[in-house]
Amino acid sequence: ALALKARAQIFTDDLAGGLATARQCAVRAPTFQPCLVFLALAAAVNGEDNLARDAGARLLAVNPAFSLDHHFRLIPFRKSEDVAFMSGHLRAAGLP
């Protein structure tokens, strides 16, 4: 639930709230992929580049096969601009 809350906060421009929620999610479930995805995203959109890269590295340690292409095939978004937004920030966090 926290990963989805963080996503909703980010997409409704509550960027600080999204980061706080994503941090809480990653503390409660440090190897849960959605928590790490949204922590990387939230950190990146908040300009927390080191945290974003750290979350990206943690995600790849949990799932070395992770890729954005595969992620968005599994979890499609209706709006291509949402995918572009997420992809840009997640790539900046070091995710392939």
Protein backbone atom coordinates (compact mmCIF):
# COMPACT_ATOMS: atom_id res chain seq x y z
CA ALA A 1 0.00 0.00 0.00
CA LEU A 2 2.84 2.43 0.74
CA ALA A 3 4.38 1.99 -2.72
CA LEU A 4 1.06 2.84 -4.36
CA LYS A 5 0.59 5.80 -2.03
CA ALA A 6 4.05 7.10 -2.94
CA ARG A 7 3.21 6.72 -6.64
CA ALA A 8 -0.05 8.62 -6.19
CA GLN A 9 1.69 11.39 -4.28
CA ILE A 10 4.36 11.77 -6.94
CA PHE A 11 1.81 11.90 -9.76
CA THR A 12 -0.28 14.49 -7.91
CA ASP A 13 2.77 16.72 -7.36
CA ASP A 14 3.14 15.98 -3.66
CA LEU A 15 6.80 15.26 -4.28
CA ALA A 16 7.98 15.66 -0.69
CA GLY A 17 5.14 13.46 0.55
CA GLY A 18 5.97 10.86 -2.10
CA LEU A 19 9.57 10.77 -0.94
CA ALA A 20 8.59 10.45 2.72
CA THR A 21 6.19 7.62 1.93
CA ALA A 22 8.68 5.84 -0.35
CA ARG A 23 11.33 6.05 2.39
CA GLN A 24 8.89 4.54 4.88
CA CYS A 25 8.02 1.79 2.38
CA ALA A 26 11.69 0.92 1.84
CA VAL A 27 12.33 0.79 5.59
CA ARG A 28 9.38 -1.54 6.17
CA ALA A 29 10.12 -3.73 3.15
CA PRO A 30 13.75 -3.17 2.10
CA THR A 31 13.74 -5.85 -0.60
CA PHE A 32 10.24 -5.21 -1.99
CA GLN A 33 10.77 -4.13 -5.58
CA PRO A 34 7.88 -1.59 -5.77
CA CYS A 35 9.24 0.22 -2.70
CA LEU A 36 12.65 0.52 -4.31
CA VAL A 37 11.22 1.64 -7.67
CA PHE A 38 9.25 4.43 -6.06
CA LEU A 39 12.07 5.37 -3.70
CA ALA A 40 14.37 5.78 -6.70
CA LEU A 41 11.71 7.79 -8.54
CA ALA A 42 10.78 9.96 -5.57
CA ALA A 43 14.39 10.68 -4.72
CA ALA A 44 15.16 11.60 -8.33
CA VAL A 45 12.21 13.98 -8.69
CA ASN A 46 13.19 15.63 -5.39
CA GLY A 47 16.78 16.15 -6.52
CA GLU A 48 18.14 13.57 -4.07
CA ASP A 49 20.50 12.10 -6.67
CA ASN A 50 22.63 10.03 -4.28
CA LEU A 51 19.56 8.47 -2.68
CA ALA A 52 18.07 7.80 -6.13
CA ARG A 53 21.21 6.01 -7.29
CA ASP A 54 21.42 4.09 -4.01
CA ALA A 55 17.80 2.93 -4.37
CA GLY A 56 18.49 1.95 -7.99
CA ALA A 57 21.53 -0.07 -6.91
CA ARG A 58 19.53 -1.74 -4.13
CA LEU A 59 16.81 -2.64 -6.65
CA LEU A 60 19.35 -4.17 -9.02
CA ALA A 61 20.86 -6.14 -6.13
CA VAL A 62 17.40 -7.52 -5.31
CA ASN A 63 16.52 -8.15 -8.96
CA PRO A 64 19.56 -8.13 -11.28
CA ALA A 65 17.26 -8.79 -14.26
CA PHE A 66 15.25 -5.58 -13.69
CA SER A 67 14.78 -3.38 -16.73
CA LEU A 68 12.47 -0.48 -17.37
CA ASP A 69 11.25 -2.04 -20.60
CA HIS A 70 10.18 -5.19 -18.77
CA HIS A 71 8.76 -3.18 -15.86
CA PHE A 72 6.47 -1.18 -18.13
CA ARG A 73 5.39 -4.30 -20.03
CA LEU A 74 4.31 -5.86 -16.72
CA ILE A 75 2.80 -2.65 -15.33
CA PRO A 76 1.49 -0.65 -18.27
CA PHE A 77 0.50 2.99 -17.91
CA ARG A 78 -2.26 4.59 -19.95
CA LYS A 79 -0.36 7.79 -20.61
CA SER A 80 2.90 7.58 -22.52
CA GLU A 81 4.01 10.82 -20.85
CA ASP A 82 3.79 9.08 -17.45
CA VAL A 83 6.07 6.33 -18.72
CA ALA A 84 8.46 8.94 -20.13
CA PHE A 85 8.43 10.85 -16.83
CA MET A 86 9.16 7.75 -14.79
CA SER A 87 11.68 6.32 -17.24
CA GLY A 88 13.71 9.50 -17.39
CA HIS A 89 14.01 9.75 -13.63
CA LEU A 90 14.59 6.03 -13.12
CA ARG A 91 17.32 6.00 -15.76
CA ALA A 92 18.94 8.90 -13.92
CA ALA A 93 18.88 6.63 -10.86
CA GLY A 94 20.96 4.13 -12.80
CA LEU A 95 18.27 1.70 -13.82
CA PRO A 96 18.59 0.08 -17.25
